[in-house]
PDB file of N, CA and C in Angstrom:
ATOM      1  N   MET A   1     -23.874  11.187  19.507  1.00  0.00           N
ATOM      2  CA  MET A   1     -24.648  10.972  18.290  1.00  0.00           C
ATOM      3  C   MET A   1     -23.795  11.282  17.071  1.00  0.00           C
ATOM      4  N   ARG A   2     -24.173  10.683  15.962  1.00  0.00           N
ATOM      5  CA  ARG A   2     -23.395  10.792  14.754  1.00  0.00           C
ATOM      6  C   ARG A   2     -24.079  11.650  13.698  1.00  0.00           C
ATOM      7  N   HIS A   3     -24.955  12.513  14.064  1.00  0.00           N
ATOM      8  CA  HIS A   3     -25.713  13.279  13.098  1.00  0.00           C
ATOM      9  C   HIS A   3     -24.819  14.180  12.259  1.00  0.00           C
ATOM     10  N   ARG A   4     -24.934  14.045  10.937  1.00  0.00           N
ATOM     11  CA  ARG A   4     -24.268  14.901   9.949  1.00  0.00           C
ATOM     12  C   ARG A   4     -22.745  14.911  10.067  1.00  0.00           C
ATOM     13  N   LYS A   5     -22.181  13.867  10.581  1.00  0.00           N
ATOM     14  CA  LYS A   5     -20.727  13.761  10.646  1.00  0.00           C
ATOM     15  C   LYS A   5     -20.258  12.866   9.520  1.00  0.00           C
ATOM     16  N   SER A   6     -19.242  13.310   8.824  1.00  0.00           N
ATOM     17  CA  SER A   6     -18.749  12.505   7.710  1.00  0.00           C
ATOM     18  C   SER A   6     -17.802  11.421   8.227  1.00  0.00           C
ATOM     19  N   SER A   7     -17.661  10.404   7.430  1.00  0.00           N
ATOM     20  CA  SER A   7     -16.777   9.304   7.784  1.00  0.00           C
ATOM     21  C   SER A   7     -15.325   9.747   7.641  1.00  0.00           C
ATOM     22  N   ILE A   8     -14.473   9.243   8.499  1.00  0.00           N
ATOM     23  CA  ILE A   8     -13.053   9.590   8.439  1.00  0.00           C
ATOM     24  C   ILE A   8     -12.381   8.868   7.274  1.00  0.00           C
ATOM     25  N   THR A   9     -12.801   7.636   7.013  1.00  0.00           N
ATOM     26  CA  THR A   9     -12.156   6.863   5.962  1.00  0.00           C
ATOM     27  C   THR A   9     -12.681   7.248   4.590  1.00  0.00           C
ATOM     28  N   THR A  10     -11.844   7.117   3.587  1.00  0.00           N
ATOM     29  CA  THR A  10     -12.255   7.348   2.218  1.00  0.00           C
ATOM     30  C   THR A  10     -12.919   6.087   1.706  1.00  0.00           C
ATOM     31  N   ARG A  11     -14.093   6.234   1.122  1.00  0.00           N
ATOM     32  CA  ARG A  11     -14.859   5.053   0.731  1.00  0.00           C
ATOM     33  C   ARG A  11     -14.609   4.636  -0.710  1.00  0.00           C
ATOM     34  N   LEU A  12     -14.146   5.523  -1.550  1.00  0.00           N
ATOM     35  CA  LEU A  12     -13.820   5.213  -2.940  1.00  0.00           C
ATOM     36  C   LEU A  12     -15.017   4.674  -3.733  1.00  0.00           C
ATOM     37  N   GLY A  13     -16.220   5.000  -3.305  1.00  0.00           N
ATOM     38  CA  GLY A  13     -17.407   4.581  -4.027  1.00  0.00           C
ATOM     39  C   GLY A  13     -17.675   3.088  -3.972  1.00  0.00           C
ATOM     40  N   ARG A  14     -17.193   2.410  -2.940  1.00  0.00           N
ATOM     41  CA  ARG A  14     -17.358   0.966  -2.817  1.00  0.00           C
ATOM     42  C   ARG A  14     -17.814   0.612  -1.411  1.00  0.00           C
ATOM     43  N   ARG A  15     -18.380  -0.551  -1.284  1.00  0.00           N
ATOM     44  CA  ARG A  15     -18.747  -1.038   0.045  1.00  0.00           C
ATOM     45  C   ARG A  15     -17.504  -1.596   0.735  1.00  0.00           C
ATOM     46  N   LYS A  16     -17.631  -1.844   2.016  1.00  0.00           N
ATOM     47  CA  LYS A  16     -16.468  -2.190   2.833  1.00  0.00           C
ATOM     48  C   LYS A  16     -15.713  -3.416   2.335  1.00  0.00           C
ATOM     49  N   GLY A  17     -16.413  -4.502   2.067  1.00  0.00           N
ATOM     50  CA  GLY A  17     -15.743  -5.726   1.644  1.00  0.00           C
ATOM     51  C   GLY A  17     -15.000  -5.554   0.331  1.00  0.00           C
ATOM     52  N   HIS A  18     -15.654  -4.922  -0.636  1.00  0.00           N
ATOM     53  CA  HIS A  18     -15.016  -4.696  -1.935  1.00  0.00           C
ATOM     54  C   HIS A  18     -13.812  -3.776  -1.799  1.00  0.00           C
ATOM     55  N   ARG A  19     -13.959  -2.719  -1.000  1.00  0.00           N
ATOM     56  CA  ARG A  19     -12.871  -1.760  -0.816  1.00  0.00           C
ATOM     57  C   ARG A  19     -11.661  -2.431  -0.167  1.00  0.00           C
ATOM     58  N   GLU A  20     -11.874  -3.252   0.862  1.00  0.00           N
ATOM     59  CA  GLU A  20     -10.759  -3.905   1.541  1.00  0.00           C
ATOM     60  C   GLU A  20     -10.036  -4.883   0.621  1.00  0.00           C
ATOM     61  N   LEU A  21     -10.801  -5.665  -0.140  1.00  0.00           N
ATOM     62  CA  LEU A  21     -10.167  -6.610  -1.060  1.00  0.00           C
ATOM     63  C   LEU A  21      -9.423  -5.895  -2.177  1.00  0.00           C
ATOM     64  N   MET A  22      -9.990  -4.798  -2.680  1.00  0.00           N
ATOM     65  CA  MET A  22      -9.327  -4.029  -3.725  1.00  0.00           C
ATOM     66  C   MET A  22      -7.989  -3.479  -3.223  1.00  0.00           C
ATOM     67  N   LEU A  23      -7.977  -2.960  -1.997  1.00  0.00           N
ATOM     68  CA  LEU A  23      -6.742  -2.414  -1.445  1.00  0.00           C
ATOM     69  C   LEU A  23      -5.717  -3.511  -1.181  1.00  0.00           C
ATOM     70  N   ARG A  24      -6.172  -4.691  -0.770  1.00  0.00           N
ATOM     71  CA  ARG A  24      -5.245  -5.813  -0.597  1.00  0.00           C
ATOM     72  C   ARG A  24      -4.659  -6.236  -1.942  1.00  0.00           C
ATOM     73  N   ASN A  25      -5.488  -6.243  -2.992  1.00  0.00           N
ATOM     74  CA  ASN A  25      -4.988  -6.546  -4.335  1.00  0.00           C
ATOM     75  C   ASN A  25      -3.944  -5.530  -4.780  1.00  0.00           C
ATOM     76  N   LEU A  26      -4.221  -4.250  -4.536  1.00  0.00           N
ATOM     77  CA  LEU A  26      -3.268  -3.211  -4.919  1.00  0.00           C
ATOM     78  C   LEU A  26      -1.960  -3.348  -4.137  1.00  0.00           C
ATOM     79  N   LEU A  27      -2.053  -3.645  -2.843  1.00  0.00           N
ATOM     80  CA  LEU A  27      -0.844  -3.840  -2.034  1.00  0.00           C
ATOM     81  C   LEU A  27      -0.028  -5.029  -2.529  1.00  0.00           C
ATOM     82  N   THR A  28      -0.715  -6.125  -2.849  1.00  0.00           N
ATOM     83  CA  THR A  28      -0.017  -7.301  -3.359  1.00  0.00           C
ATOM     84  C   THR A  28       0.697  -6.977  -4.662  1.00  0.00           C
ATOM     85  N   SER A  29       0.026  -6.263  -5.558  1.00  0.00           N
ATOM     86  CA  SER A  29       0.637  -5.879  -6.828  1.00  0.00           C
ATOM     87  C   SER A  29       1.811  -4.935  -6.619  1.00  0.00           C
ATOM     88  N   LEU A  30       1.678  -4.017  -5.670  1.00  0.00           N
ATOM     89  CA  LEU A  30       2.768  -3.080  -5.393  1.00  0.00           C
ATOM     90  C   LEU A  30       4.013  -3.817  -4.924  1.00  0.00           C
ATOM     91  N   PHE A  31       3.856  -4.773  -4.012  1.00  0.00           N
ATOM     92  CA  PHE A  31       5.025  -5.488  -3.513  1.00  0.00           C
ATOM     93  C   PHE A  31       5.614  -6.423  -4.561  1.00  0.00           C
ATOM     94  N   LEU A  32       4.778  -7.003  -5.422  1.00  0.00           N
ATOM     95  CA  LEU A  32       5.301  -7.899  -6.448  1.00  0.00           C
ATOM     96  C   LEU A  32       6.040  -7.147  -7.549  1.00  0.00           C
ATOM     97  N   ASN A  33       5.539  -5.981  -7.948  1.00  0.00           N
ATOM     98  CA  ASN A  33       6.081  -5.268  -9.103  1.00  0.00           C
ATOM     99  C   ASN A  33       6.911  -4.035  -8.754  1.00  0.00           C
ATOM    100  N   ASP A  34       6.981  -3.656  -7.497  1.00  0.00           N
ATOM    101  CA  ASP A  34       7.722  -2.487  -7.006  1.00  0.00           C
ATOM    102  C   ASP A  34       7.150  -1.157  -7.449  1.00  0.00           C
ATOM    103  N   LYS A  35       6.166  -1.153  -8.331  1.00  0.00           N
ATOM    104  CA  LYS A  35       5.488   0.092  -8.696  1.00  0.00           C
ATOM    105  C   LYS A  35       4.101  -0.238  -9.203  1.00  0.00           C
ATOM    106  N   LEU A  36       3.240   0.784  -9.208  1.00  0.00           N
ATOM    107  CA  LEU A  36       1.842   0.559  -9.528  1.00  0.00           C
ATOM    108  C   LEU A  36       1.261   1.861 -10.056  1.00  0.00           C
ATOM    109  N   LYS A  37       0.528   1.791 -11.156  1.00  0.00           N
ATOM    110  CA  LYS A  37      -0.137   2.960 -11.716  1.00  0.00           C
ATOM    111  C   LYS A  37      -1.614   2.872 -11.377  1.00  0.00           C
ATOM    112  N   THR A  38      -2.129   3.871 -10.657  1.00  0.00           N
ATOM    113  CA  THR A  38      -3.513   3.869 -10.225  1.00  0.00           C
ATOM    114  C   THR A  38      -3.978   5.307 -10.024  1.00  0.00           C
ATOM    115  N   THR A  39      -5.222   5.476  -9.591  1.00  0.00           N
ATOM    116  CA  THR A  39      -5.727   6.825  -9.361  1.00  0.00           C
ATOM    117  C   THR A  39      -5.118   7.408  -8.089  1.00  0.00           C
ATOM    118  N   GLU A  40      -5.168   8.711  -7.989  1.00  0.00           N
ATOM    119  CA  GLU A  40      -4.547   9.390  -6.860  1.00  0.00           C
ATOM    120  C   GLU A  40      -5.197   9.010  -5.528  1.00  0.00           C
ATOM    121  N   ALA A  41      -6.520   8.906  -5.498  1.00  0.00           N
ATOM    122  CA  ALA A  41      -7.213   8.576  -4.251  1.00  0.00           C
ATOM    123  C   ALA A  41      -6.835   7.188  -3.761  1.00  0.00           C
ATOM    124  N   LYS A  42      -6.805   6.208  -4.672  1.00  0.00           N
ATOM    125  CA  LYS A  42      -6.423   4.852  -4.283  1.00  0.00           C
ATOM    126  C   LYS A  42      -4.962   4.809  -3.851  1.00  0.00           C
ATOM    127  N   ALA A  43      -4.104   5.528  -4.561  1.00  0.00           N
ATOM    128  CA  ALA A  43      -2.679   5.504  -4.263  1.00  0.00           C
ATOM    129  C   ALA A  43      -2.383   6.069  -2.876  1.00  0.00           C
ATOM    130  N   LYS A  44      -3.109   7.089  -2.473  1.00  0.00           N
ATOM    131  CA  LYS A  44      -2.872   7.665  -1.151  1.00  0.00           C
ATOM    132  C   LYS A  44      -3.205   6.667  -0.045  1.00  0.00           C
ATOM    133  N   ILE A  45      -4.255   5.890  -0.249  1.00  0.00           N
ATOM    134  CA  ILE A  45      -4.621   4.886   0.751  1.00  0.00           C
ATOM    135  C   ILE A  45      -3.635   3.720   0.724  1.00  0.00           C
ATOM    136  N   VAL A  46      -3.227   3.305  -0.470  1.00  0.00           N
ATOM    137  CA  VAL A  46      -2.268   2.206  -0.600  1.00  0.00           C
ATOM    138  C   VAL A  46      -0.933   2.607   0.019  1.00  0.00           C
ATOM    139  N   ARG A  47      -0.522   3.855  -0.178  1.00  0.00           N
ATOM    140  CA  ARG A  47       0.741   4.329   0.410  1.00  0.00           C
ATOM    141  C   ARG A  47       0.681   4.217   1.927  1.00  0.00           C
ATOM    142  N   SER A  48      -0.422   4.640   2.514  1.00  0.00           N
ATOM    143  CA  SER A  48      -0.571   4.573   3.962  1.00  0.00           C
ATOM    144  C   SER A  48      -0.484   3.131   4.457  1.00  0.00           C
ATOM    145  N   GLU A  49      -1.201   2.241   3.801  1.00  0.00           N
ATOM    146  CA  GLU A  49      -1.201   0.838   4.217  1.00  0.00           C
ATOM    147  C   GLU A  49       0.163   0.178   4.004  1.00  0.00           C
ATOM    148  N   ALA A  50       0.825   0.491   2.906  1.00  0.00           N
ATOM    149  CA  ALA A  50       2.144  -0.093   2.626  1.00  0.00           C
ATOM    150  C   ALA A  50       3.167   0.358   3.668  1.00  0.00           C
ATOM    151  N   GLU A  51       3.127   1.627   4.025  1.00  0.00           N
ATOM    152  CA  GLU A  51       4.086   2.121   5.008  1.00  0.00           C
ATOM    153  C   GLU A  51       3.828   1.517   6.390  1.00  0.00           C
ATOM    154  N   LYS A  52       2.558   1.330   6.747  1.00  0.00           N
ATOM    155  CA  LYS A  52       2.245   0.683   8.027  1.00  0.00           C
ATOM    156  C   LYS A  52       2.746  -0.759   8.032  1.00  0.00           C
ATOM    157  N   LEU A  53       2.550  -1.459   6.912  1.00  0.00           N
ATOM    158  CA  LEU A  53       2.987  -2.859   6.832  1.00  0.00           C
ATOM    159  C   LEU A  53       4.510  -2.960   6.907  1.00  0.00           C
ATOM    160  N   ILE A  54       5.219  -2.100   6.197  1.00  0.00           N
ATOM    161  CA  ILE A  54       6.686  -2.134   6.226  1.00  0.00           C
ATOM    162  C   ILE A  54       7.189  -1.852   7.633  1.00  0.00           C
ATOM    163  N   THR A  55       6.560  -0.914   8.325  1.00  0.00           N
ATOM    164  CA  THR A  55       6.975  -0.611   9.693  1.00  0.00           C
ATOM    165  C   THR A  55       6.763  -1.811  10.606  1.00  0.00           C
ATOM    166  N   LYS A  56       5.640  -2.517  10.451  1.00  0.00           N
ATOM    167  CA  LYS A  56       5.405  -3.725  11.248  1.00  0.00           C
ATOM    168  C   LYS A  56       6.439  -4.792  10.942  1.00  0.00           C
ATOM    169  N   LEU A  57       6.747  -4.973   9.660  1.00  0.00           N
ATOM    170  CA  LEU A  57       7.679  -6.027   9.269  1.00  0.00           C
ATOM    171  C   LEU A  57       9.101  -5.723   9.728  1.00  0.00           C
ATOM    172  N   LYS A  58       9.457  -4.462   9.826  1.00  0.00           N
ATOM    173  CA  LYS A  58      10.798  -4.100  10.296  1.00  0.00           C
ATOM    174  C   LYS A  58      10.977  -4.431  11.769  1.00  0.00           C
ATOM    175  N   ARG A  59       9.943  -4.231  12.557  1.00  0.00           N
ATOM    176  CA  ARG A  59      10.065  -4.345  14.007  1.00  0.00           C
ATOM    177  C   ARG A  59      10.004  -5.779  14.510  1.00  0.00           C
ATOM    178  N   ASN A  60       9.291  -6.625  13.822  1.00  0.00           N
ATOM    179  CA  ASN A  60       9.026  -7.966  14.344  1.00  0.00           C
ATOM    180  C   ASN A  60      10.092  -8.971  13.951  1.00  0.00           C
ATOM    181  N   ASP A  61      10.065 -10.113  14.646  1.00  0.00           N
ATOM    182  CA  ASP A  61      10.958 -11.196  14.276  1.00  0.00           C
ATOM    183  C   ASP A  61      10.437 -11.863  13.001  1.00  0.00           C
ATOM    184  N   LYS A  62      11.201 -12.788  12.473  1.00  0.00           N
ATOM    185  CA  LYS A  62      10.904 -13.382  11.167  1.00  0.00           C
ATOM    186  C   LYS A  62       9.551 -14.087  11.127  1.00  0.00           C
ATOM    187  N   ALA A  63       9.250 -14.931  12.112  1.00  0.00           N
ATOM    188  CA  ALA A  63       8.000 -15.690  12.101  1.00  0.00           C
ATOM    189  C   ALA A  63       6.794 -14.768  12.228  1.00  0.00           C
ATOM    190  N   ASN A  64       6.880 -13.805  13.113  1.00  0.00           N
ATOM    191  CA  ASN A  64       5.771 -12.881  13.286  1.00  0.00           C
ATOM    192  C   ASN A  64       5.616 -11.978  12.060  1.00  0.00           C
ATOM    193  N   ALA A  65       6.718 -11.623  11.423  1.00  0.00           N
ATOM    194  CA  ALA A  65       6.651 -10.797  10.215  1.00  0.00           C
ATOM    195  C   ALA A  65       5.913 -11.529   9.106  1.00  0.00           C
ATOM    196  N   ILE A  66       6.162 -12.815   8.965  1.00  0.00           N
ATOM    197  CA  ILE A  66       5.470 -13.604   7.945  1.00  0.00           C
ATOM    198  C   ILE A  66       3.978 -13.634   8.227  1.00  0.00           C
ATOM    199  N   ARG A  67       3.592 -13.812   9.491  1.00  0.00           N
ATOM    200  CA  ARG A  67       2.172 -13.820   9.843  1.00  0.00           C
ATOM    201  C   ARG A  67       1.519 -12.471   9.566  1.00  0.00           C
ATOM    202  N   GLU A  68       2.205 -11.391   9.910  1.00  0.00           N
ATOM    203  CA  GLU A  68       1.657 -10.057   9.678  1.00  0.00           C
ATOM    204  C   GLU A  68       1.462  -9.792   8.188  1.00  0.00           C
ATOM    205  N   ALA A  69       2.415 -10.212   7.373  1.00  0.00           N
ATOM    206  CA  ALA A  69       2.309  -9.990   5.931  1.00  0.00           C
ATOM    207  C   ALA A  69       1.217 -10.857   5.317  1.00  0.00           C
ATOM    208  N   LYS A  70       1.063 -12.077   5.805  1.00  0.00           N
ATOM    209  CA  LYS A  70       0.028 -12.971   5.265  1.00  0.00           C
ATOM    210  C   LYS A  70      -1.374 -12.482   5.578  1.00  0.00           C
ATOM    211  N   LYS A  71      -1.538 -11.694   6.642  1.00  0.00           N
ATOM    212  CA  LYS A  71      -2.847 -11.140   6.965  1.00  0.00           C
ATOM    213  C   LYS A  71      -3.318 -10.171   5.880  1.00  0.00           C
ATOM    214  N   VAL A  72      -2.369  -9.502   5.228  1.00  0.00           N
ATOM    215  CA  VAL A  72      -2.715  -8.450   4.284  1.00  0.00           C
ATOM    216  C   VAL A  72      -2.518  -8.885   2.837  1.00  0.00           C
ATOM    217  N   LEU A  73      -1.413  -9.544   2.539  1.00  0.00           N
ATOM    218  CA  LEU A  73      -1.070  -9.874   1.158  1.00  0.00           C
ATOM    219  C   LEU A  73      -1.636 -11.229   0.771  1.00  0.00           C
ATOM    220  N   PHE A  74      -1.928 -11.404  -0.516  1.00  0.00           N
ATOM    221  CA  PHE A  74      -2.598 -12.607  -0.980  1.00  0.00           C
ATOM    222  C   PHE A  74      -1.653 -13.756  -1.312  1.00  0.00           C
ATOM    223  N   THR A  75      -0.468 -13.483  -1.838  1.00  0.00           N
ATOM    224  CA  THR A  75       0.390 -14.553  -2.335  1.00  0.00           C
ATOM    225  C   THR A  75       1.648 -14.697  -1.500  1.00  0.00           C
ATOM    226  N   VAL A  76       2.235 -15.880  -1.559  1.00  0.00           N
ATOM    227  CA  VAL A  76       3.479 -16.149  -0.836  1.00  0.00           C
ATOM    228  C   VAL A  76       4.643 -15.346  -1.427  1.00  0.00           C
ATOM    229  N   PRO A  77       4.777 -15.251  -2.761  1.00  0.00           N
ATOM    230  CA  PRO A  77       5.863 -14.415  -3.296  1.00  0.00           C
ATOM    231  C   PRO A  77       5.757 -12.949  -2.871  1.00  0.00           C
ATOM    232  N   ALA A  78       4.541 -12.432  -2.768  1.00  0.00           N
ATOM    233  CA  ALA A  78       4.375 -11.047  -2.314  1.00  0.00           C
ATOM    234  C   ALA A  78       4.790 -10.907  -0.854  1.00  0.00           C
ATOM    235  N   THR A  79       4.504 -11.920  -0.051  1.00  0.00           N
ATOM    236  CA  THR A  79       4.899 -11.897   1.355  1.00  0.00           C
ATOM    237  C   THR A  79       6.417 -11.900   1.490  1.00  0.00           C
ATOM    238  N   LYS A  80       7.071 -12.757   0.726  1.00  0.00           N
ATOM    239  CA  LYS A  80       8.541 -12.812   0.769  1.00  0.00           C
ATOM    240  C   LYS A  80       9.153 -11.503   0.305  1.00  0.00           C
ATOM    241  N   LYS A  81       8.583 -10.931  -0.765  1.00  0.00           N
ATOM    242  CA  LYS A  81       9.100  -9.673  -1.296  1.00  0.00           C
ATOM    243  C   LYS A  81       8.900  -8.542  -0.290  1.00  0.00           C
ATOM    244  N   ALA A  82       7.760  -8.533   0.422  1.00  0.00           N
ATOM    245  CA  ALA A  82       7.502  -7.501   1.423  1.00  0.00           C
ATOM    246  C   ALA A  82       8.527  -7.569   2.550  1.00  0.00           C
ATOM    247  N   ILE A  83       8.888  -8.769   2.963  1.00  0.00           N
ATOM    248  CA  ILE A  83       9.883  -8.917   4.021  1.00  0.00           C
ATOM    249  C   ILE A  83      11.252  -8.443   3.542  1.00  0.00           C
ATOM    250  N   GLU A  84      11.589  -8.739   2.286  1.00  0.00           N
ATOM    251  CA  GLU A  84      12.850  -8.250   1.716  1.00  0.00           C
ATOM    252  C   GLU A  84      12.872  -6.729   1.641  1.00  0.00           C
ATOM    253  N   VAL A  85      11.764  -6.140   1.222  1.00  0.00           N
ATOM    254  CA  VAL A  85      11.683  -4.675   1.128  1.00  0.00           C
ATOM    255  C   VAL A  85      11.837  -4.060   2.513  1.00  0.00           C
ATOM    256  N   ALA A  86      11.187  -4.646   3.506  1.00  0.00           N
ATOM    257  CA  ALA A  86      11.270  -4.113   4.869  1.00  0.00           C
ATOM    258  C   ALA A  86      12.689  -4.204   5.423  1.00  0.00           C
ATOM    259  N   GLU A  87      13.407  -5.270   5.084  1.00  0.00           N
ATOM    260  CA  GLU A  87      14.789  -5.401   5.552  1.00  0.00           C
ATOM    261  C   GLU A  87      15.683  -4.314   4.965  1.00  0.00           C
ATOM    262  N   GLY A  88      15.354  -3.851   3.777  1.00  0.00           N
ATOM    263  CA  GLY A  88      16.140  -2.791   3.150  1.00  0.00           C
ATOM    264  C   GLY A  88      15.943  -1.431   3.794  1.00  0.00           C
ATOM    265  N   TYR A  89      14.881  -1.277   4.564  1.00  0.00           N
ATOM    266  CA  TYR A  89      14.574   0.007   5.196  1.00  0.00           C
ATOM    267  C   TYR A  89      14.808  -0.020   6.700  1.00  0.00           C
ATOM    268  N   LYS A  90      15.735  -0.829   7.185  1.00  0.00           N
ATOM    269  CA  LYS A  90      15.981  -0.942   8.624  1.00  0.00           C
ATOM    270  C   LYS A  90      16.370   0.399   9.257  1.00  0.00           C
ATOM    271  N   GLU A  91      17.176   1.195   8.564  1.00  0.00           N
ATOM    272  CA  GLU A  91      17.663   2.444   9.141  1.00  0.00           C
ATOM    273  C   GLU A  91      16.694   3.602   8.943  1.00  0.00           C
ATOM    274  N   LYS A  92      15.767   3.463   8.003  1.00  0.00           N
ATOM    275  CA  LYS A  92      14.861   4.555   7.669  1.00  0.00           C
ATOM    276  C   LYS A  92      13.605   4.460   8.526  1.00  0.00           C
ATOM    277  N   SER A  93      13.114   5.591   9.018  1.00  0.00           N
ATOM    278  CA  SER A  93      11.961   5.564   9.911  1.00  0.00           C
ATOM    279  C   SER A  93      10.633   5.718   9.186  1.00  0.00           C
ATOM    280  N   SER A  94      10.614   6.360   8.029  1.00  0.00           N
ATOM    281  CA  SER A  94       9.372   6.511   7.273  1.00  0.00           C
ATOM    282  C   SER A  94       9.707   6.968   5.858  1.00  0.00           C
ATOM    283  N   GLY A  95       8.689   7.167   5.050  1.00  0.00           N
ATOM    284  CA  GLY A  95       8.909   7.651   3.693  1.00  0.00           C
ATOM    285  C   GLY A  95       9.423   6.568   2.768  1.00  0.00           C
ATOM    286  N   TYR A  96       8.760   5.409   2.768  1.00  0.00           N
ATOM    287  CA  TYR A  96       9.231   4.289   1.958  1.00  0.00           C
ATOM    288  C   TYR A  96       8.705   4.335   0.526  1.00  0.00           C
ATOM    289  N   THR A  97       7.640   5.088   0.299  1.00  0.00           N
ATOM    290  CA  THR A  97       7.025   5.137  -1.030  1.00  0.00           C
ATOM    291  C   THR A  97       6.979   6.560  -1.543  1.00  0.00           C
ATOM    292  N   ARG A  98       6.813   6.685  -2.861  1.00  0.00           N
ATOM    293  CA  ARG A  98       6.693   8.003  -3.476  1.00  0.00           C
ATOM    294  C   ARG A  98       5.570   7.958  -4.497  1.00  0.00           C
ATOM    295  N   LEU A  99       4.859   9.068  -4.624  1.00  0.00           N
ATOM    296  CA  LEU A  99       3.811   9.211  -5.627  1.00  0.00           C
ATOM    297  C   LEU A  99       4.302  10.185  -6.697  1.00  0.00           C
ATOM    298  N   THR A 100       4.171   9.788  -7.956  1.00  0.00           N
ATOM    299  CA  THR A 100       4.571  10.618  -9.078  1.00  0.00           C
ATOM    300  C   THR A 100       3.375  10.802  -9.999  1.00  0.00           C
ATOM    301  N   ASN A 101       3.033  12.050 -10.294  1.00  0.00           N
ATOM    302  CA  ASN A 101       1.909  12.305 -11.190  1.00  0.00           C
ATOM    303  C   ASN A 101       2.235  11.817 -12.590  1.00  0.00           C
ATOM    304  N   VAL A 102       1.292  11.110 -13.202  1.00  0.00           N
ATOM    305  CA  VAL A 102       1.478  10.561 -14.545  1.00  0.00           C
ATOM    306  C   VAL A 102       0.650  11.333 -15.556  1.00  0.00           C
ATOM    307  N   GLY A 103      -0.484  11.841 -15.149  1.00  0.00           N
ATOM    308  CA  GLY A 103      -1.346  12.570 -16.067  1.00  0.00           C
ATOM    309  C   GLY A 103      -2.800  12.328 -15.720  1.00  0.00           C
ATOM    310  N   ILE A 104      -3.633  12.478 -16.734  1.00  0.00           N
ATOM    311  CA  ILE A 104      -5.065  12.331 -16.548  1.00  0.00           C
ATOM    312  C   ILE A 104      -5.557  11.187 -17.407  1.00  0.00           C
ATOM    313  N   ARG A 105      -6.411  10.342 -16.830  1.00  0.00           N
ATOM    314  CA  ARG A 105      -6.956   9.212 -17.568  1.00  0.00           C
ATOM    315  C   ARG A 105      -7.932   9.709 -18.626  1.00  0.00           C
ATOM    316  N   GLU A 106      -7.860   9.090 -19.785  1.00  0.00           N
ATOM    317  CA  GLU A 106      -8.650   9.505 -20.929  1.00  0.00           C
ATOM    318  C   GLU A 106     -10.154   9.408 -20.683  1.00  0.00           C
ATOM    319  N   GLY A 107     -10.628   8.302 -20.129  1.00  0.00           N
ATOM    320  CA  GLY A 107     -12.058   8.038 -20.041  1.00  0.00           C
ATOM    321  C   GLY A 107     -12.823   8.950 -19.108  1.00  0.00           C
ATOM    322  N   ASP A 108     -12.314   9.149 -17.886  1.00  0.00           N
ATOM    323  CA  ASP A 108     -13.082   9.909 -16.903  1.00  0.00           C
ATOM    324  C   ASP A 108     -12.301  11.071 -16.288  1.00  0.00           C
ATOM    325  N   ALA A 109     -11.152  11.380 -16.815  1.00  0.00           N
ATOM    326  CA  ALA A 109     -10.332  12.513 -16.375  1.00  0.00           C
ATOM    327  C   ALA A 109      -9.889  12.391 -14.915  1.00  0.00           C
ATOM    328  N   SER A 110      -9.654  11.160 -14.457  1.00  0.00           N
ATOM    329  CA  SER A 110      -9.117  10.954 -13.113  1.00  0.00           C
ATOM    330  C   SER A 110      -7.622  11.215 -13.110  1.00  0.00           C
ATOM    331  N   LYS A 111      -7.122  11.762 -12.010  1.00  0.00           N
ATOM    332  CA  LYS A 111      -5.684  11.966 -11.878  1.00  0.00           C
ATOM    333  C   LYS A 111      -5.024  10.615 -11.665  1.00  0.00           C
ATOM    334  N   MET A 112      -4.037  10.296 -12.483  1.00  0.00           N
ATOM    335  CA  MET A 112      -3.318   9.031 -12.378  1.00  0.00           C
ATOM    336  C   MET A 112      -1.939   9.299 -11.786  1.00  0.00           C
ATOM    337  N   VAL A 113      -1.509   8.409 -10.916  1.00  0.00           N
ATOM    338  CA  VAL A 113      -0.193   8.531 -10.300  1.00  0.00           C
ATOM    339  C   VAL A 113       0.518   7.187 -10.347  1.00  0.00           C
ATOM    340  N   LEU A 114       1.821   7.250 -10.219  1.00  0.00           N
ATOM    341  CA  LEU A 114       2.652   6.061 -10.131  1.00  0.00           C
ATOM    342  C   LEU A 114       3.152   5.991  -8.698  1.00  0.00           C
ATOM    343  N   ILE A 115       2.823   4.913  -7.995  1.00  0.00           N
ATOM    344  CA  ILE A 115       3.324   4.723  -6.635  1.00  0.00           C
ATOM    345  C   ILE A 115       4.449   3.695  -6.719  1.00  0.00           C
ATOM    346  N   GLU A 116       5.577   4.039  -6.103  1.00  0.00           N
ATOM    347  CA  GLU A 116       6.740   3.152  -6.158  1.00  0.00           C
ATOM    348  C   GLU A 116       7.532   3.292  -4.870  1.00  0.00           C
ATOM    349  N   PHE A 117       8.382   2.308  -4.629  1.00  0.00           N
ATOM    350  CA  PHE A 117       9.226   2.353  -3.444  1.00  0.00           C
ATOM    351  C   PHE A 117      10.430   3.254  -3.706  1.00  0.00           C
ATOM    352  N   VAL A 118      10.790   4.016  -2.683  1.00  0.00           N
ATOM    353  CA  VAL A 118      12.000   4.835  -2.748  1.00  0.00           C
ATOM    354  C   VAL A 118      13.175   3.868  -2.708  1.00  0.00           C
ATOM    355  N   GLU A 119      14.264   4.209  -3.345  1.00  0.00           N
ATOM    356  CA  GLU A 119      15.435   3.326  -3.367  1.00  0.00           C
ATOM    357  C   GLU A 119      15.847   3.002  -1.938  1.00  0.00           C
ATOM    358  N   ASN A 120      15.898   1.704  -1.667  1.00  0.00           N
ATOM    359  CA  ASN A 120      16.286   1.286  -0.324  1.00  0.00           C
ATOM    360  C   ASN A 120      17.793   1.144  -0.228  1.00  0.00           C
ATOM    361  N   THR A 121      18.278   1.062   0.986  1.00  0.00           N
ATOM    362  CA  THR A 121      19.717   1.076   1.234  1.00  0.00           C
ATOM    363  C   THR A 121      20.230  -0.332   1.494  1.00  0.00           C
ATOM    364  N   LYS A 122      19.913  -1.272   0.621  1.00  0.00           N
ATOM    365  CA  LYS A 122      20.382  -2.651   0.793  1.00  0.00           C
ATOM    366  C   LYS A 122      21.854  -2.779   0.573  1.00  0.00           C
TER     367      LYS A 122
END
């Protein structure tokens, strides 16, 4: 039974469909721009998803990597950029992204962070 057990996933105050699309949008923006300014809660989830995607793209062959990236990312340029980023991290096993505190948002006092890729060894 599930009585009084909290959910493992962070809901971010959104329903499932909205939350998944929002995270896909954030991932697409992260791969296109190499950095992204967002709230700390969203950034922690995006970091997890980005690192999982990079690990998948490193291990697979080219055709399968494109399919894996297209499942998550919205645009073709983001897919190509994700594959390039993954190729730069061939020797590294984890820790592809970094979170840097930026400050507090004026309107609602949310913690803002900058998520960016660690310098790759291309």
